[in-house]
Amino acid sequence: MFFDDQNRVFDCIKKFATYTAMQIFFDVGAHIGQSSRIFLKHFPESKVYAFEPSQKNINKFDLSGFDESHFFLEQLALGNKDCNVSFLSKGSSGDMVLENKNCNNIVRRFLNFVQKETKKPHPEGKDISIVKMLKGDTYCKAKNIQKISFLKIDTEGHDLSVMQGFAEMIKAQNIDFFQVEAGFGSTQKFVQIETFIRFARFYNYHLFGIFEQSMEKKYPCLRRANVVFISHKEYLRNQGLRNKQAPLLSSIFGST
């Protein structure tokens, strides 16, 4: 993630959605807290709920310079069901794979086979672990969270599953903004932008902006980008309040 672009997201919200109160930030796929810190820099009185399944990243989570009482760090995966899942690090700290619970034994047998045949630990088997996965709606009910100002998701291709887990919150328009990593063109790693647009339209969300656009290395086309949507409720709030704040022409030029 290019974190200068995450700054641009929040700059645009402050410029174009002035009347949306930024109070609660959900950082799903928080890594070591880069986006959380940027959000608090822009909205220092807000609360951050950060979700990161990797113990290695949890240990590196950096809260320096901020009031730790504003952070709630959870070693959880968020998805479209409540269950346990296999969490598999693919070597780089930012490339994570969540395996379905039913695949746990298959994954472990495969890694054991590789170790037996090569006499070496498989590089993808270093950090395999079982972690708890919850739907976002389940977590919000447990914590009595009624509204989320900004939901940022960066889960390496699982973003739609995370969104589906927030279906009740989204249906009620209780998430003001959500940000997902969308695929463009031929990439199979990320959910395609068309899918997210259909999802957003179904729940009455509007496209707010496209950020951090990344091109294909070998082809002249867009590969992926961070896409931000705004709820219709917040769209109307900002539109209505802006209109109320606009001075009447008669007050500027005088009544005739």
C-alpha atoms as a PDB file:
ATOM      1  CA  MET A   1       0.000   0.000   0.000  1.00  0.00           C
ATOM      2  CA  PHE A   2       1.217   3.489  -0.844  1.00  0.00           C
ATOM      3  CA  PHE A   3       0.460   5.355   2.366  1.00  0.00           C
ATOM      4  CA  ASP A   4       0.632   8.776   0.744  1.00  0.00           C
ATOM      5  CA  ASP A   5      -2.525   7.712  -1.079  1.00  0.00           C
ATOM      6  CA  GLN A   6      -4.190   6.790   2.215  1.00  0.00           C
ATOM      7  CA  ASN A   7      -3.500  10.368   3.277  1.00  0.00           C
ATOM      8  CA  ARG A   8      -5.220  11.517   0.087  1.00  0.00           C
ATOM      9  CA  VAL A   9      -8.324   9.485   0.968  1.00  0.00           C
ATOM     10  CA  PHE A  10      -8.732  11.278   4.281  1.00  0.00           C
ATOM     11  CA  ASP A  11      -7.853  14.645   2.759  1.00  0.00           C
ATOM     12  CA  CYS A  12     -10.665  14.149   0.246  1.00  0.00           C
ATOM     13  CA  ILE A  13     -13.121  13.223   2.993  1.00  0.00           C
ATOM     14  CA  LYS A  14     -12.259  16.377   4.913  1.00  0.00           C
ATOM     15  CA  LYS A  15     -12.676  18.434   1.731  1.00  0.00           C
ATOM     16  CA  PHE A  16     -15.747  16.867   0.127  1.00  0.00           C
ATOM     17  CA  ALA A  17     -17.574  15.229   3.073  1.00  0.00           C
ATOM     18  CA  THR A  18     -17.088  17.989   5.612  1.00  0.00           C
ATOM     19  CA  TYR A  19     -20.207  17.166   7.592  1.00  0.00           C
ATOM     20  CA  THR A  20     -19.421  13.477   8.167  1.00  0.00           C
ATOM     21  CA  ALA A  21     -18.151  12.935  11.707  1.00  0.00           C
ATOM     22  CA  MET A  22     -15.106  10.660  11.676  1.00  0.00           C
ATOM     23  CA  GLN A  23     -15.405   8.830  14.999  1.00  0.00           C
ATOM     24  CA  ILE A  24     -14.713   5.118  14.492  1.00  0.00           C
ATOM     25  CA  PHE A  25     -12.198   3.575  12.084  1.00  0.00           C
ATOM     26  CA  PHE A  26     -12.094  -0.164  11.343  1.00  0.00           C
ATOM     27  CA  ASP A  27      -8.727  -1.294   9.962  1.00  0.00           C
ATOM     28  CA  VAL A  28      -9.230  -4.834   8.611  1.00  0.00           C
ATOM     29  CA  GLY A  29      -5.920  -6.317   7.560  1.00  0.00           C
ATOM     30  CA  ALA A  30      -4.101  -3.766   9.690  1.00  0.00           C
ATOM     31  CA  HIS A  31      -0.601  -5.223   9.190  1.00  0.00           C
ATOM     32  CA  ILE A  32       1.554  -3.214  11.624  1.00  0.00           C
ATOM     33  CA  GLY A  33      -0.768  -0.225  11.923  1.00  0.00           C
ATOM     34  CA  GLN A  34       0.235   2.069   9.066  1.00  0.00           C
ATOM     35  CA  SER A  35      -3.308   3.049   8.041  1.00  0.00           C
ATOM     36  CA  SER A  36      -4.457   3.274  11.649  1.00  0.00           C
ATOM     37  CA  ARG A  37      -1.754   5.816  12.421  1.00  0.00           C
ATOM     38  CA  ILE A  38      -2.643   7.873   9.348  1.00  0.00           C
ATOM     39  CA  PHE A  39      -6.305   7.931  10.332  1.00  0.00           C
ATOM     40  CA  LEU A  40      -5.472   9.110  13.850  1.00  0.00           C
ATOM     41  CA  LYS A  41      -3.185  11.765  12.446  1.00  0.00           C
ATOM     42  CA  HIS A  42      -6.137  13.177  10.505  1.00  0.00           C
ATOM     43  CA  PHE A  43      -8.786  12.499  13.169  1.00  0.00           C
ATOM     44  CA  PRO A  44      -6.942  12.380  16.527  1.00  0.00           C
ATOM     45  CA  GLU A  45     -10.080  12.168  18.700  1.00  0.00           C
ATOM     46  CA  SER A  46     -11.365   9.072  16.923  1.00  0.00           C
ATOM     47  CA  LYS A  47     -11.205   5.428  17.970  1.00  0.00           C
ATOM     48  CA  VAL A  48      -9.462   2.753  15.928  1.00  0.00           C
ATOM     49  CA  TYR A  49     -10.357  -0.932  15.862  1.00  0.00           C
ATOM     50  CA  ALA A  50      -7.525  -2.784  14.147  1.00  0.00           C
ATOM     51  CA  PHE A  51      -7.814  -6.431  13.045  1.00  0.00           C
ATOM     52  CA  GLU A  52      -4.725  -8.459  12.199  1.00  0.00           C
ATOM     53  CA  PRO A  53      -4.486 -12.285  12.313  1.00  0.00           C
ATOM     54  CA  SER A  54      -0.680 -12.488  12.131  1.00  0.00           C
ATOM     55  CA  GLN A  55       1.036 -12.741  15.506  1.00  0.00           C
ATOM     56  CA  LYS A  56       4.250 -11.549  13.885  1.00  0.00           C
ATOM     57  CA  ASN A  57       2.546  -8.334  12.742  1.00  0.00           C
ATOM     58  CA  ILE A  58       0.775  -7.932  16.072  1.00  0.00           C
ATOM     59  CA  ASN A  59       4.170  -7.962  17.780  1.00  0.00           C
ATOM     60  CA  LYS A  60       5.348  -5.189  15.436  1.00  0.00           C
ATOM     61  CA  PHE A  61       2.208  -3.065  15.697  1.00  0.00           C
ATOM     62  CA  ASP A  62       3.431   0.465  16.211  1.00  0.00           C
ATOM     63  CA  LEU A  63       1.397   2.775  18.460  1.00  0.00           C
ATOM     64  CA  SER A  64       4.207   5.219  19.166  1.00  0.00           C
ATOM     65  CA  GLY A  65       3.185   8.864  19.269  1.00  0.00           C
ATOM     66  CA  PHE A  66      -0.522   8.228  19.803  1.00  0.00           C
ATOM     67  CA  ASP A  67      -2.763   7.777  22.809  1.00  0.00           C
ATOM     68  CA  GLU A  68      -3.061   3.993  23.138  1.00  0.00           C
ATOM     69  CA  SER A  69      -6.494   4.377  24.730  1.00  0.00           C
ATOM     70  CA  HIS A  70      -7.757   5.217  21.221  1.00  0.00           C
ATOM     71  CA  PHE A  71      -6.631   1.804  19.888  1.00  0.00           C
ATOM     72  CA  PHE A  72      -8.368  -1.563  20.107  1.00  0.00           C
ATOM     73  CA  LEU A  73      -6.089  -4.185  18.567  1.00  0.00           C
ATOM     74  CA  GLU A  74      -7.654  -7.582  17.832  1.00  0.00           C
ATOM     75  CA  GLN A  75      -5.890 -10.717  16.654  1.00  0.00           C
ATOM     76  CA  LEU A  76      -8.854 -11.711  14.512  1.00  0.00           C
ATOM     77  CA  ALA A  77      -9.740 -12.349  10.912  1.00  0.00           C
ATOM     78  CA  LEU A  78     -13.005 -10.842   9.688  1.00  0.00           C
ATOM     79  CA  GLY A  79     -15.017 -12.666   7.041  1.00  0.00           C
ATOM     80  CA  ASN A  80     -18.475 -13.831   6.011  1.00  0.00           C
ATOM     81  CA  LYS A  81     -18.922 -16.453   8.736  1.00  0.00           C
ATOM     82  CA  ASP A  82     -18.056 -17.126  12.370  1.00  0.00           C
ATOM     83  CA  CYS A  83     -15.553 -19.987  12.559  1.00  0.00           C
ATOM     84  CA  ASN A  84     -11.885 -20.892  12.827  1.00  0.00           C
ATOM     85  CA  VAL A  85      -9.624 -20.679   9.775  1.00  0.00           C
ATOM     86  CA  SER A  86      -6.076 -21.589   8.821  1.00  0.00           C
ATOM     87  CA  PHE A  87      -3.909 -18.524   8.477  1.00  0.00           C
ATOM     88  CA  LEU A  88      -0.957 -18.986   6.145  1.00  0.00           C
ATOM     89  CA  SER A  89       1.825 -16.467   5.653  1.00  0.00           C
ATOM     90  CA  LYS A  90       3.335 -16.750   2.175  1.00  0.00           C
ATOM     91  CA  GLY A  91       6.697 -15.369   3.185  1.00  0.00           C
ATOM     92  CA  SER A  92       6.214 -11.629   2.834  1.00  0.00           C
ATOM     93  CA  SER A  93       4.508  -9.843   5.676  1.00  0.00           C
ATOM     94  CA  GLY A  94       1.904  -8.301   3.396  1.00  0.00           C
ATOM     95  CA  ASP A  95       0.880 -11.430   1.473  1.00  0.00           C
ATOM     96  CA  MET A  96      -1.495 -13.453   3.579  1.00  0.00           C
ATOM     97  CA  VAL A  97      -3.870 -16.299   2.742  1.00  0.00           C
ATOM     98  CA  LEU A  98      -6.901 -17.390   4.719  1.00  0.00           C
ATOM     99  CA  GLU A  99      -7.804 -21.027   4.149  1.00  0.00           C
ATOM    100  CA  ASN A 100     -11.303 -22.346   4.814  1.00  0.00           C
ATOM    101  CA  LYS A 101     -11.646 -24.425   7.967  1.00  0.00           C
ATOM    102  CA  ASN A 102     -12.444 -27.506   5.882  1.00  0.00           C
ATOM    103  CA  CYS A 103      -9.041 -27.183   4.198  1.00  0.00           C
ATOM    104  CA  ASN A 104      -7.008 -27.147   7.428  1.00  0.00           C
ATOM    105  CA  ASN A 105      -6.044 -30.814   7.306  1.00  0.00           C
ATOM    106  CA  ILE A 106      -5.318 -30.675   3.565  1.00  0.00           C
ATOM    107  CA  VAL A 107      -2.985 -27.702   4.027  1.00  0.00           C
ATOM    108  CA  ARG A 108      -1.181 -29.355   6.912  1.00  0.00           C
ATOM    109  CA  ARG A 109      -0.813 -32.677   5.047  1.00  0.00           C
ATOM    110  CA  PHE A 110       0.604 -30.849   2.027  1.00  0.00           C
ATOM    111  CA  LEU A 111       3.151 -28.969   4.131  1.00  0.00           C
ATOM    112  CA  ASN A 112       4.144 -32.171   5.942  1.00  0.00           C
ATOM    113  CA  PHE A 113       4.585 -33.929   2.592  1.00  0.00           C
ATOM    114  CA  VAL A 114       6.833 -31.145   1.278  1.00  0.00           C
ATOM    115  CA  GLN A 115       8.949 -31.230   4.435  1.00  0.00           C
ATOM    116  CA  LYS A 116       9.291 -35.005   4.212  1.00  0.00           C
ATOM    117  CA  GLU A 117      10.275 -34.999   0.521  1.00  0.00           C
ATOM    118  CA  THR A 118      12.672 -32.033   0.599  1.00  0.00           C
ATOM    119  CA  LYS A 119      14.000 -32.565   4.124  1.00  0.00           C
ATOM    120  CA  LYS A 120      13.503 -28.810   4.559  1.00  0.00           C
ATOM    121  CA  PRO A 121      10.736 -26.755   6.125  1.00  0.00           C
ATOM    122  CA  HIS A 122       8.426 -25.456   3.443  1.00  0.00           C
ATOM    123  CA  PRO A 123       8.760 -21.646   3.216  1.00  0.00           C
ATOM    124  CA  GLU A 124       4.989 -21.246   3.329  1.00  0.00           C
ATOM    125  CA  GLY A 125       4.741 -23.434   6.397  1.00  0.00           C
ATOM    126  CA  LYS A 126       6.629 -21.245   8.785  1.00  0.00           C
ATOM    127  CA  ASP A 127       3.671 -19.258  10.035  1.00  0.00           C
ATOM    128  CA  ILE A 128       0.629 -21.470   9.567  1.00  0.00           C
ATOM    129  CA  SER A 129      -1.771 -21.175  12.486  1.00  0.00           C
ATOM    130  CA  ILE A 130      -5.434 -21.448  13.377  1.00  0.00           C
ATOM    131  CA  VAL A 131      -7.112 -18.101  14.033  1.00  0.00           C
ATOM    132  CA  LYS A 132     -10.634 -17.044  14.899  1.00  0.00           C
ATOM    133  CA  MET A 133     -12.748 -15.464  12.189  1.00  0.00           C
ATOM    134  CA  LEU A 134     -15.875 -13.402  12.892  1.00  0.00           C
ATOM    135  CA  LYS A 135     -18.395 -11.576  10.786  1.00  0.00           C
ATOM    136  CA  GLY A 136     -18.143  -7.833  11.214  1.00  0.00           C
ATOM    137  CA  ASP A 137     -21.783  -7.746  12.288  1.00  0.00           C
ATOM    138  CA  THR A 138     -21.035 -10.285  15.036  1.00  0.00           C
ATOM    139  CA  TYR A 139     -18.126  -8.230  16.345  1.00  0.00           C
ATOM    140  CA  CYS A 140     -20.103  -4.970  16.295  1.00  0.00           C
ATOM    141  CA  LYS A 141     -22.988  -6.532  18.229  1.00  0.00           C
ATOM    142  CA  ALA A 142     -20.595  -7.966  20.828  1.00  0.00           C
ATOM    143  CA  LYS A 143     -18.904  -4.570  21.284  1.00  0.00           C
ATOM    144  CA  ASN A 144     -22.139  -2.561  20.984  1.00  0.00           C
ATOM    145  CA  ILE A 145     -20.785  -0.579  18.041  1.00  0.00           C
ATOM    146  CA  GLN A 146     -23.707   1.108  16.304  1.00  0.00           C
ATOM    147  CA  LYS A 147     -21.845   2.921  13.544  1.00  0.00           C
ATOM    148  CA  ILE A 148     -18.526   2.836  11.692  1.00  0.00           C
ATOM    149  CA  SER A 149     -17.222   6.028  10.128  1.00  0.00           C
ATOM    150  CA  PHE A 150     -14.638   4.401   7.854  1.00  0.00           C
ATOM    151  CA  LEU A 151     -14.112   0.711   7.107  1.00  0.00           C
ATOM    152  CA  LYS A 152     -10.783   0.018   5.429  1.00  0.00           C
ATOM    153  CA  ILE A 153     -10.208  -3.514   4.110  1.00  0.00           C
ATOM    154  CA  ASP A 154      -6.905  -4.882   2.807  1.00  0.00           C
ATOM    155  CA  THR A 155      -7.092  -8.675   2.980  1.00  0.00           C
ATOM    156  CA  GLU A 156      -5.335  -9.791  -0.205  1.00  0.00           C
ATOM    157  CA  GLY A 157      -8.348 -10.782  -2.265  1.00  0.00           C
ATOM    158  CA  HIS A 158     -10.796 -11.582   0.550  1.00  0.00           C
ATOM    159  CA  ASP A 159     -12.286  -8.067   0.709  1.00  0.00           C
ATOM    160  CA  LEU A 160     -15.725  -9.067  -0.608  1.00  0.00           C
ATOM    161  CA  SER A 161     -16.053 -11.801   2.024  1.00  0.00           C
ATOM    162  CA  VAL A 162     -15.291  -9.212   4.704  1.00  0.00           C
ATOM    163  CA  MET A 163     -17.926  -6.882   3.255  1.00  0.00           C
ATOM    164  CA  GLN A 164     -20.502  -9.682   3.262  1.00  0.00           C
ATOM    165  CA  GLY A 165     -19.853 -10.118   6.981  1.00  0.00           C
ATOM    166  CA  PHE A 166     -20.969  -6.503   7.519  1.00  0.00           C
ATOM    167  CA  ALA A 167     -24.246  -6.986   5.586  1.00  0.00           C
ATOM    168  CA  GLU A 168     -26.508  -5.829   8.421  1.00  0.00           C
ATOM    169  CA  MET A 169     -24.450  -2.710   9.135  1.00  0.00           C
ATOM    170  CA  ILE A 170     -24.270  -1.868   5.436  1.00  0.00           C
ATOM    171  CA  LYS A 171     -27.983  -2.481   4.842  1.00  0.00           C
ATOM    172  CA  ALA A 172     -28.754  -0.038   7.665  1.00  0.00           C
ATOM    173  CA  GLN A 173     -26.307   2.515   6.168  1.00  0.00           C
ATOM    174  CA  ASN A 174     -24.370   2.412   9.428  1.00  0.00           C
ATOM    175  CA  ILE A 175     -21.000   2.390   7.671  1.00  0.00           C
ATOM    176  CA  ASP A 176     -20.318   5.858   6.264  1.00  0.00           C
ATOM    177  CA  PHE A 177     -17.364   4.917   4.031  1.00  0.00           C
ATOM    178  CA  PHE A 178     -15.776   1.647   3.040  1.00  0.00           C
ATOM    179  CA  GLN A 179     -12.531   1.082   1.177  1.00  0.00           C
ATOM    180  CA  VAL A 180     -11.661  -2.115  -0.690  1.00  0.00           C
ATOM    181  CA  GLU A 181      -8.821  -3.289  -2.888  1.00  0.00           C
ATOM    182  CA  ALA A 182     -10.342  -3.983  -6.313  1.00  0.00           C
ATOM    183  CA  GLY A 183      -8.943  -5.724  -9.358  1.00  0.00           C
ATOM    184  CA  PHE A 184      -9.049  -4.344 -12.876  1.00  0.00           C
ATOM    185  CA  GLY A 185      -8.404  -6.124 -16.139  1.00  0.00           C
ATOM    186  CA  SER A 186      -7.166  -9.701 -16.066  1.00  0.00           C
ATOM    187  CA  THR A 187      -5.827 -10.018 -12.518  1.00  0.00           C
ATOM    188  CA  GLN A 188      -7.370 -12.935 -10.603  1.00  0.00           C
ATOM    189  CA  LYS A 189      -5.906 -12.088  -7.205  1.00  0.00           C
ATOM    190  CA  PHE A 190      -8.400  -9.351  -6.351  1.00  0.00           C
ATOM    191  CA  VAL A 191     -12.175  -9.163  -6.607  1.00  0.00           C
ATOM    192  CA  GLN A 192     -13.035  -7.233  -9.762  1.00  0.00           C
ATOM    193  CA  ILE A 193     -14.231  -3.636  -9.576  1.00  0.00           C
ATOM    194  CA  GLU A 194     -17.527  -4.530 -11.305  1.00  0.00           C
ATOM    195  CA  THR A 195     -18.414  -6.877  -8.439  1.00  0.00           C
ATOM    196  CA  PHE A 196     -17.852  -4.171  -5.834  1.00  0.00           C
ATOM    197  CA  ILE A 197     -19.879  -1.650  -7.843  1.00  0.00           C
ATOM    198  CA  ARG A 198     -22.820  -4.075  -8.027  1.00  0.00           C
ATOM    199  CA  PHE A 199     -22.485  -4.718  -4.286  1.00  0.00           C
ATOM    200  CA  ALA A 200     -22.415  -0.983  -3.554  1.00  0.00           C
ATOM    201  CA  ARG A 201     -25.408  -0.217  -5.758  1.00  0.00           C
ATOM    202  CA  PHE A 202     -27.430  -3.005  -4.149  1.00  0.00           C
ATOM    203  CA  TYR A 203     -26.901  -1.420  -0.728  1.00  0.00           C
ATOM    204  CA  ASN A 204     -27.262   2.154  -2.021  1.00  0.00           C
ATOM    205  CA  TYR A 205     -23.652   3.314  -1.778  1.00  0.00           C
ATOM    206  CA  HIS A 206     -21.968   5.743  -4.171  1.00  0.00           C
ATOM    207  CA  LEU A 207     -18.460   5.674  -5.630  1.00  0.00           C
ATOM    208  CA  PHE A 208     -16.447   8.290  -3.727  1.00  0.00           C
ATOM    209  CA  GLY A 209     -12.997   7.892  -5.254  1.00  0.00           C
ATOM    210  CA  ILE A 210     -10.318   5.631  -6.736  1.00  0.00           C
ATOM    211  CA  PHE A 211      -6.882   5.781  -5.113  1.00  0.00           C
ATOM    212  CA  GLU A 212      -3.484   4.087  -5.291  1.00  0.00           C
ATOM    213  CA  GLN A 213      -3.831   2.905  -8.865  1.00  0.00           C
ATOM    214  CA  SER A 214      -1.304   0.238  -9.810  1.00  0.00           C
ATOM    215  CA  MET A 215      -0.532  -0.688 -13.417  1.00  0.00           C
ATOM    216  CA  GLU A 216       0.228  -4.127 -14.814  1.00  0.00           C
ATOM    217  CA  LYS A 217       3.964  -4.670 -15.158  1.00  0.00           C
ATOM    218  CA  LYS A 218       3.853  -6.112 -18.680  1.00  0.00           C
ATOM    219  CA  TYR A 219       0.689  -4.593 -20.100  1.00  0.00           C
ATOM    220  CA  PRO A 220      -0.590  -1.016 -20.559  1.00  0.00           C
ATOM    221  CA  CYS A 221      -3.614  -1.368 -18.287  1.00  0.00           C
ATOM    222  CA  LEU A 222      -4.676  -0.874 -14.679  1.00  0.00           C
ATOM    223  CA  ARG A 223      -4.150  -3.883 -12.396  1.00  0.00           C
ATOM    224  CA  ARG A 224      -5.607  -2.833  -9.036  1.00  0.00           C
ATOM    225  CA  ALA A 225      -6.640   0.173  -6.979  1.00  0.00           C
ATOM    226  CA  ASN A 226      -8.147   1.124  -3.636  1.00  0.00           C
ATOM    227  CA  VAL A 227     -11.781   2.080  -4.187  1.00  0.00           C
ATOM    228  CA  VAL A 228     -13.803   4.083  -1.653  1.00  0.00           C
ATOM    229  CA  PHE A 229     -17.609   4.195  -1.433  1.00  0.00           C
ATOM    230  CA  ILE A 230     -19.872   6.542   0.565  1.00  0.00           C
ATOM    231  CA  SER A 231     -23.310   5.668   1.942  1.00  0.00           C
ATOM    232  CA  HIS A 232     -26.347   7.363   0.451  1.00  0.00           C
ATOM    233  CA  LYS A 233     -27.193   8.630   3.937  1.00  0.00           C
ATOM    234  CA  GLU A 234     -23.885  10.495   4.232  1.00  0.00           C
ATOM    235  CA  TYR A 235     -24.123  11.638   0.636  1.00  0.00           C
ATOM    236  CA  LEU A 236     -27.459  13.300   1.426  1.00  0.00           C
ATOM    237  CA  ARG A 237     -26.212  14.687   4.738  1.00  0.00           C
ATOM    238  CA  ASN A 238     -23.282  16.456   3.096  1.00  0.00           C
ATOM    239  CA  GLN A 239     -25.322  17.607   0.130  1.00  0.00           C
ATOM    240  CA  GLY A 240     -28.125  18.962   2.322  1.00  0.00           C
ATOM    241  CA  LEU A 241     -25.912  20.760   4.812  1.00  0.00           C
ATOM    242  CA  ARG A 242     -23.811  22.258   2.050  1.00  0.00           C
ATOM    243  CA  ASN A 243     -26.982  23.636   0.453  1.00  0.00           C
ATOM    244  CA  LYS A 244     -28.126  25.057   3.790  1.00  0.00           C
ATOM    245  CA  GLN A 245     -24.754  26.743   4.283  1.00  0.00           C
ATOM    246  CA  ALA A 246     -24.788  28.270   0.802  1.00  0.00           C
ATOM    247  CA  PRO A 247     -25.772  31.957   0.960  1.00  0.00           C
ATOM    248  CA  LEU A 248     -28.948  32.974  -0.824  1.00  0.00           C
ATOM    249  CA  LEU A 249     -28.440  35.090  -3.913  1.00  0.00           C
ATOM    250  CA  SER A 250     -30.816  37.688  -2.497  1.00  0.00           C
ATOM    251  CA  SER A 251     -28.589  38.101   0.553  1.00  0.00           C
ATOM    252  CA  ILE A 252     -25.600  38.753  -1.699  1.00  0.00           C
ATOM    253  CA  PHE A 253     -27.140  41.029  -4.305  1.00  0.00           C
ATOM    254  CA  GLY A 254     -30.053  42.382  -2.255  1.00  0.00           C
ATOM    255  CA  SER A 255     -33.752  41.831  -2.831  1.00  0.00           C
ATOM    256  CA  THR A 256     -35.353  43.308  -5.938  1.00  0.00           C
END
